Amino acid sequence: MNIEEFYDENEARRESAEIEFGSDWTDSIGNIYELSWVEATGELYLMLSPTATMHADVFFGDVLNFNEPVESLLIKIIGTIPTEAGVHAALEGWEAAMPQEHSLKWLAERFPSAD
């Protein structure tokens, strides 16, 4: 889904505080993602950079057809963690993991239901 669909689907998302957990996550081909958590819903999501090259392995191996304008940032919810303390615990060590090559692997190990 794109960013507008994401917020339109649940108005609580639009009005909620969010915490960003880095904006330089990468997949195996170098696409760049931002990771954020929505306080009101507990959703942890990835947002694909608008400059990404669309190939296989986007969002933990999925293949997406990207026929929308660049402004339509793609979103993938990878988990739900109800509390801020819980999301910090689940992502402990993210600062060191994010700069690594294909850092989405680190996230996929923690959130296997996102596959």
C-alpha atoms as a PDB file:
ATOM      1  CA  MET A   1       0.000   0.000   0.000  1.00  0.00           C
ATOM      2  CA  ASN A   2       1.177   3.557  -0.475  1.00  0.00           C
ATOM      3  CA  ILE A   3       1.541   6.121   2.272  1.00  0.00           C
ATOM      4  CA  GLU A   4      -1.838   7.765   1.631  1.00  0.00           C
ATOM      5  CA  GLU A   5      -3.643   4.405   1.690  1.00  0.00           C
ATOM      6  CA  PHE A   6      -1.835   3.573   4.924  1.00  0.00           C
ATOM      7  CA  TYR A   7      -3.043   6.717   6.692  1.00  0.00           C
ATOM      8  CA  ASP A   8      -6.509   6.694   5.085  1.00  0.00           C
ATOM      9  CA  GLU A   9      -7.092   3.102   6.233  1.00  0.00           C
ATOM     10  CA  ASN A  10      -6.871   4.100   9.909  1.00  0.00           C
ATOM     11  CA  GLU A  11      -7.247   7.738  10.940  1.00  0.00           C
ATOM     12  CA  ALA A  12      -5.538   6.986  14.277  1.00  0.00           C
ATOM     13  CA  ARG A  13      -2.285   6.542  12.344  1.00  0.00           C
ATOM     14  CA  ARG A  14      -2.464  10.034  10.885  1.00  0.00           C
ATOM     15  CA  GLU A  15      -3.000  11.676  14.279  1.00  0.00           C
ATOM     16  CA  SER A  16      -0.481   9.550  16.181  1.00  0.00           C
ATOM     17  CA  ALA A  17       3.031  10.242  17.295  1.00  0.00           C
ATOM     18  CA  GLU A  18       5.628   8.114  15.513  1.00  0.00           C
ATOM     19  CA  ILE A  19       9.135   7.057  16.411  1.00  0.00           C
ATOM     20  CA  GLU A  20      11.634   6.550  13.589  1.00  0.00           C
ATOM     21  CA  PHE A  21      14.173   3.753  13.908  1.00  0.00           C
ATOM     22  CA  GLY A  22      16.476   4.791  11.102  1.00  0.00           C
ATOM     23  CA  SER A  23      16.109   5.704   7.453  1.00  0.00           C
ATOM     24  CA  ASP A  24      18.993   3.755   5.927  1.00  0.00           C
ATOM     25  CA  TRP A  25      17.814   0.131   6.075  1.00  0.00           C
ATOM     26  CA  THR A  26      18.727  -1.773   2.902  1.00  0.00           C
ATOM     27  CA  ASP A  27      17.714  -4.909   1.054  1.00  0.00           C
ATOM     28  CA  SER A  28      20.001  -7.194  -0.960  1.00  0.00           C
ATOM     29  CA  ILE A  29      19.960  -4.916  -4.017  1.00  0.00           C
ATOM     30  CA  GLY A  30      20.467  -1.646  -2.162  1.00  0.00           C
ATOM     31  CA  ASN A  31      16.926  -0.259  -1.929  1.00  0.00           C
ATOM     32  CA  ILE A  32      16.645   2.052   1.068  1.00  0.00           C
ATOM     33  CA  TYR A  33      13.889   1.973   3.701  1.00  0.00           C
ATOM     34  CA  GLU A  34      12.791   3.952   6.732  1.00  0.00           C
ATOM     35  CA  LEU A  35      11.557   2.059   9.802  1.00  0.00           C
ATOM     36  CA  SER A  36       8.924   3.689  12.028  1.00  0.00           C
ATOM     37  CA  TRP A  37       6.565   2.770  14.856  1.00  0.00           C
ATOM     38  CA  VAL A  38       3.065   4.279  15.229  1.00  0.00           C
ATOM     39  CA  GLU A  39       2.217   4.897  18.872  1.00  0.00           C
ATOM     40  CA  ALA A  40      -1.607   4.741  18.525  1.00  0.00           C
ATOM     41  CA  THR A  41      -1.704   1.412  16.695  1.00  0.00           C
ATOM     42  CA  GLY A  42       1.569  -0.222  17.754  1.00  0.00           C
ATOM     43  CA  GLU A  43       2.405  -0.862  14.094  1.00  0.00           C
ATOM     44  CA  LEU A  44       6.023  -1.122  13.051  1.00  0.00           C
ATOM     45  CA  TYR A  45       6.364  -0.350   9.353  1.00  0.00           C
ATOM     46  CA  LEU A  46       8.892   0.028   6.575  1.00  0.00           C
ATOM     47  CA  MET A  47       8.626   2.772   3.984  1.00  0.00           C
ATOM     48  CA  LEU A  48      10.444   2.224   0.700  1.00  0.00           C
ATOM     49  CA  SER A  49      12.495   5.151  -0.551  1.00  0.00           C
ATOM     50  CA  PRO A  50      10.998   6.822  -3.646  1.00  0.00           C
ATOM     51  CA  THR A  51      14.325   6.447  -5.450  1.00  0.00           C
ATOM     52  CA  ALA A  52      14.341   2.663  -5.066  1.00  0.00           C
ATOM     53  CA  THR A  53      14.931   0.286  -7.937  1.00  0.00           C
ATOM     54  CA  MET A  54      12.105  -2.252  -7.881  1.00  0.00           C
ATOM     55  CA  HIS A  55      13.290  -5.845  -8.172  1.00  0.00           C
ATOM     56  CA  ALA A  56      12.824  -9.049  -6.238  1.00  0.00           C
ATOM     57  CA  ASP A  57      13.621  -9.018  -2.498  1.00  0.00           C
ATOM     58  CA  VAL A  58      11.666  -5.883  -1.687  1.00  0.00           C
ATOM     59  CA  PHE A  59      10.163  -6.171   1.817  1.00  0.00           C
ATOM     60  CA  PHE A  60      11.834  -9.444   2.811  1.00  0.00           C
ATOM     61  CA  GLY A  61      11.667 -11.177  -0.572  1.00  0.00           C
ATOM     62  CA  ASP A  62       8.322 -10.019  -1.935  1.00  0.00           C
ATOM     63  CA  VAL A  63       8.113  -8.823  -5.526  1.00  0.00           C
ATOM     64  CA  LEU A  64       6.054  -5.693  -6.102  1.00  0.00           C
ATOM     65  CA  ASN A  65       4.910  -4.027  -9.312  1.00  0.00           C
ATOM     66  CA  PHE A  66       5.598  -0.333  -8.897  1.00  0.00           C
ATOM     67  CA  ASN A  67       3.341   1.484 -11.354  1.00  0.00           C
ATOM     68  CA  GLU A  68       2.552   4.452  -9.117  1.00  0.00           C
ATOM     69  CA  PRO A  69       4.208   7.874  -9.186  1.00  0.00           C
ATOM     70  CA  VAL A  70       7.373   8.290  -7.142  1.00  0.00           C
ATOM     71  CA  GLU A  71       5.409  10.377  -4.600  1.00  0.00           C
ATOM     72  CA  SER A  72       3.481   7.236  -3.658  1.00  0.00           C
ATOM     73  CA  LEU A  73       5.796   5.852  -1.022  1.00  0.00           C
ATOM     74  CA  LEU A  74       5.223   2.143  -0.396  1.00  0.00           C
ATOM     75  CA  ILE A  75       4.503   0.924   3.130  1.00  0.00           C
ATOM     76  CA  LYS A  76       4.791  -2.565   4.625  1.00  0.00           C
ATOM     77  CA  ILE A  77       3.657  -3.266   8.195  1.00  0.00           C
ATOM     78  CA  ILE A  78       6.128  -5.794   9.627  1.00  0.00           C
ATOM     79  CA  GLY A  79       4.781  -6.180  13.142  1.00  0.00           C
ATOM     80  CA  THR A  80       2.641  -4.857  15.947  1.00  0.00           C
ATOM     81  CA  ILE A  81       4.154  -3.982  19.308  1.00  0.00           C
ATOM     82  CA  PRO A  82       1.716  -2.327  21.710  1.00  0.00           C
ATOM     83  CA  THR A  83       4.116  -0.271  23.836  1.00  0.00           C
ATOM     84  CA  GLU A  84       7.047   2.049  23.293  1.00  0.00           C
ATOM     85  CA  ALA A  85       9.115   0.055  25.789  1.00  0.00           C
ATOM     86  CA  GLY A  86       8.282  -3.112  23.851  1.00  0.00           C
ATOM     87  CA  VAL A  87       9.364  -1.697  20.499  1.00  0.00           C
ATOM     88  CA  HIS A  88      12.638  -0.455  21.977  1.00  0.00           C
ATOM     89  CA  ALA A  89      13.259  -3.916  23.441  1.00  0.00           C
ATOM     90  CA  ALA A  90      12.384  -5.685  20.176  1.00  0.00           C
ATOM     91  CA  LEU A  91      14.716  -3.426  18.206  1.00  0.00           C
ATOM     92  CA  GLU A  92      17.608  -3.422  20.657  1.00  0.00           C
ATOM     93  CA  GLY A  93      20.811  -3.112  18.631  1.00  0.00           C
ATOM     94  CA  TRP A  94      19.165  -1.576  15.551  1.00  0.00           C
ATOM     95  CA  GLU A  95      21.652   1.285  15.388  1.00  0.00           C
ATOM     96  CA  ALA A  96      24.494  -1.165  14.766  1.00  0.00           C
ATOM     97  CA  ALA A  97      22.465  -3.401  12.434  1.00  0.00           C
ATOM     98  CA  MET A  98      21.072  -0.740  10.104  1.00  0.00           C
ATOM     99  CA  PRO A  99      24.359   0.325   8.440  1.00  0.00           C
ATOM    100  CA  GLN A 100      25.234  -3.287   7.577  1.00  0.00           C
ATOM    101  CA  GLU A 101      24.773  -4.556   4.028  1.00  0.00           C
ATOM    102  CA  HIS A 102      21.249  -5.997   3.502  1.00  0.00           C
ATOM    103  CA  SER A 103      20.164  -4.913   6.968  1.00  0.00           C
ATOM    104  CA  LEU A 104      16.562  -5.990   6.316  1.00  0.00           C
ATOM    105  CA  LYS A 105      17.775  -9.524   7.100  1.00  0.00           C
ATOM    106  CA  TRP A 106      18.291  -8.395  10.702  1.00  0.00           C
ATOM    107  CA  LEU A 107      14.687  -7.160  10.845  1.00  0.00           C
ATOM    108  CA  ALA A 108      13.322 -10.303   9.184  1.00  0.00           C
ATOM    109  CA  GLU A 109      14.955 -12.431  11.877  1.00  0.00           C
ATOM    110  CA  ARG A 110      13.026 -10.499  14.531  1.00  0.00           C
ATOM    111  CA  PHE A 111       9.738 -10.229  12.642  1.00  0.00           C
ATOM    112  CA  PRO A 112       9.344 -13.497  10.663  1.00  0.00           C
ATOM    113  CA  SER A 113       5.631 -12.958  10.070  1.00  0.00           C
ATOM    114  CA  ALA A 114       6.605 -10.124   7.721  1.00  0.00           C
ATOM    115  CA  ASP A 115       7.789 -12.616   5.077  1.00  0.00           C
END
